[in-house]
Amino acid sequence: MRETLDFEPGPVAVGLVVGLGGLCFLLEPVVGPVPVGGLVVRPVALSAVTLAVGFSLGAVVFYRRGRGLFALAHGIFGFAWTALVVGTLVGAGWLVVAAVLLVVAGVGFLLGQRRR
């Protein structure tokens, strides 16, 4: 008997976006800066932006599927990655530090939830 794969659009979209972020990260040492609109951007910067989008999209997808804790985790890390990107872009070191602290706090919160 042959089984068929059933792909749901939301998780597939999240997987593709996160995969693209990982690919951009891996291409950094091989590819030089790439033009995006009117800017020339390093692939590692595109990776960070793409991961922020992927985490944020994951929050929406998990929330719509009724998976509150997963949605919260993706929301926390989506917000943190966005703050990291914006802080780096505008040179706000305090925002970068706050983003890293949010990641650490988010991990601590999720570990605490796991023990319940």
Protein backbone atom coordinates (compact mmCIF):
# COMPACT_ATOMS: atom_id res chain seq x y z
CA MET A 1 0.00 0.00 0.00
CA ARG A 2 1.34 3.42 -0.91
CA GLU A 3 1.00 6.30 1.54
CA THR A 4 0.77 9.88 0.38
CA LEU A 5 2.35 12.87 2.04
CA ASP A 6 -0.03 15.56 3.24
CA PHE A 7 1.65 18.96 3.35
CA GLU A 8 -0.08 21.79 5.18
CA PRO A 9 0.66 25.26 3.77
CA GLY A 10 1.50 26.97 7.10
CA PRO A 11 4.19 24.58 8.35
CA VAL A 12 5.60 24.24 4.83
CA ALA A 13 5.90 28.04 4.54
CA VAL A 14 7.66 28.25 7.92
CA GLY A 15 10.01 25.43 6.95
CA LEU A 16 10.87 27.06 3.64
CA VAL A 17 11.55 30.46 5.24
CA VAL A 18 13.71 28.99 8.00
CA GLY A 19 15.50 26.79 5.45
CA LEU A 20 16.21 29.85 3.32
CA GLY A 21 17.65 31.58 6.39
CA GLY A 22 19.92 28.60 7.04
CA LEU A 23 21.02 28.55 3.40
CA CYS A 24 21.87 32.26 3.52
CA PHE A 25 23.93 31.64 6.66
CA LEU A 26 25.83 28.77 5.01
CA LEU A 27 26.48 30.81 1.86
CA GLU A 28 28.17 33.65 3.78
CA PRO A 29 31.74 32.37 3.37
CA VAL A 30 31.20 31.47 -0.29
CA VAL A 31 29.14 34.34 -1.69
CA GLY A 32 29.93 38.02 -1.48
CA PRO A 33 27.37 40.69 -0.70
CA VAL A 34 24.21 40.48 -2.81
CA PRO A 35 22.01 43.29 -4.13
CA VAL A 36 18.60 43.53 -2.47
CA GLY A 37 16.58 46.43 -3.78
CA GLY A 38 18.89 49.42 -3.65
CA LEU A 39 21.13 47.90 -0.96
CA VAL A 40 24.08 45.53 -1.04
CA VAL A 41 23.68 43.06 1.84
CA ARG A 42 25.80 40.23 3.23
CA PRO A 43 24.09 36.82 3.24
CA VAL A 44 24.49 36.50 7.02
CA ALA A 45 22.37 39.66 7.44
CA LEU A 46 19.74 38.17 5.13
CA SER A 47 19.86 35.05 7.26
CA ALA A 48 19.04 36.99 10.42
CA VAL A 49 16.16 38.82 8.76
CA THR A 50 14.81 35.59 7.29
CA LEU A 51 14.97 33.80 10.65
CA ALA A 52 13.09 36.69 12.30
CA VAL A 53 10.37 36.33 9.66
CA GLY A 54 10.34 32.53 10.03
CA PHE A 55 9.98 32.63 13.83
CA SER A 56 7.24 35.28 13.60
CA LEU A 57 5.37 33.31 10.95
CA GLY A 58 5.76 30.18 13.09
CA ALA A 59 4.06 31.99 15.99
CA VAL A 60 1.01 32.65 13.83
CA VAL A 61 0.94 29.13 12.38
CA PHE A 62 1.21 27.40 15.77
CA TYR A 63 -1.37 29.75 17.31
CA ARG A 64 -3.86 28.94 14.55
CA ARG A 65 -3.25 25.23 15.14
CA GLY A 66 -4.01 25.57 18.86
CA ARG A 67 -0.43 24.98 20.01
CA GLY A 68 -0.13 27.88 22.47
CA LEU A 69 3.25 27.08 23.99
CA PHE A 70 4.88 26.60 20.58
CA ALA A 71 3.26 29.82 19.37
CA LEU A 72 4.57 31.67 22.41
CA ALA A 73 8.07 30.27 21.92
CA HIS A 74 8.12 31.31 18.26
CA GLY A 75 6.72 34.72 19.17
CA ILE A 76 9.40 35.32 21.81
CA PHE A 77 12.22 34.31 19.50
CA GLY A 78 10.69 36.12 16.51
CA PHE A 79 10.57 39.31 18.57
CA ALA A 80 14.12 38.76 19.85
CA TRP A 81 15.54 38.13 16.36
CA THR A 82 13.73 41.20 15.04
CA ALA A 83 15.18 43.30 17.87
CA LEU A 84 18.62 41.85 17.14
CA VAL A 85 18.37 42.78 13.45
CA VAL A 86 17.01 46.28 14.15
CA GLY A 87 19.55 46.91 16.92
CA THR A 88 22.39 45.92 14.63
CA LEU A 89 20.99 47.94 11.73
CA VAL A 90 20.64 51.18 13.68
CA GLY A 91 23.68 50.65 15.92
CA ALA A 92 21.68 50.39 19.16
CA GLY A 93 23.84 48.16 21.32
CA TRP A 94 21.30 48.25 24.15
CA LEU A 95 18.69 46.71 21.84
CA VAL A 96 21.07 43.92 20.82
CA VAL A 97 21.81 43.18 24.49
CA ALA A 98 18.07 43.25 25.29
CA ALA A 99 17.43 40.80 22.43
CA VAL A 100 20.05 38.39 23.73
CA LEU A 101 18.60 38.66 27.25
CA LEU A 102 15.15 37.94 25.82
CA VAL A 103 16.47 34.78 24.16
CA VAL A 104 18.04 33.65 27.46
CA ALA A 105 14.83 34.44 29.38
CA GLY A 106 12.75 32.69 26.72
CA VAL A 107 14.87 29.55 26.95
CA GLY A 108 14.59 29.63 30.74
CA PHE A 109 10.83 30.01 30.53
CA LEU A 110 10.48 27.14 28.07
CA LEU A 111 12.69 24.86 30.19
CA GLY A 112 10.50 25.70 33.17
CA GLN A 113 7.40 24.76 31.19
CA ARG A 114 8.97 21.47 30.20
CA ARG A 115 9.36 20.41 33.83
CA ARG A 116 5.65 20.86 34.58
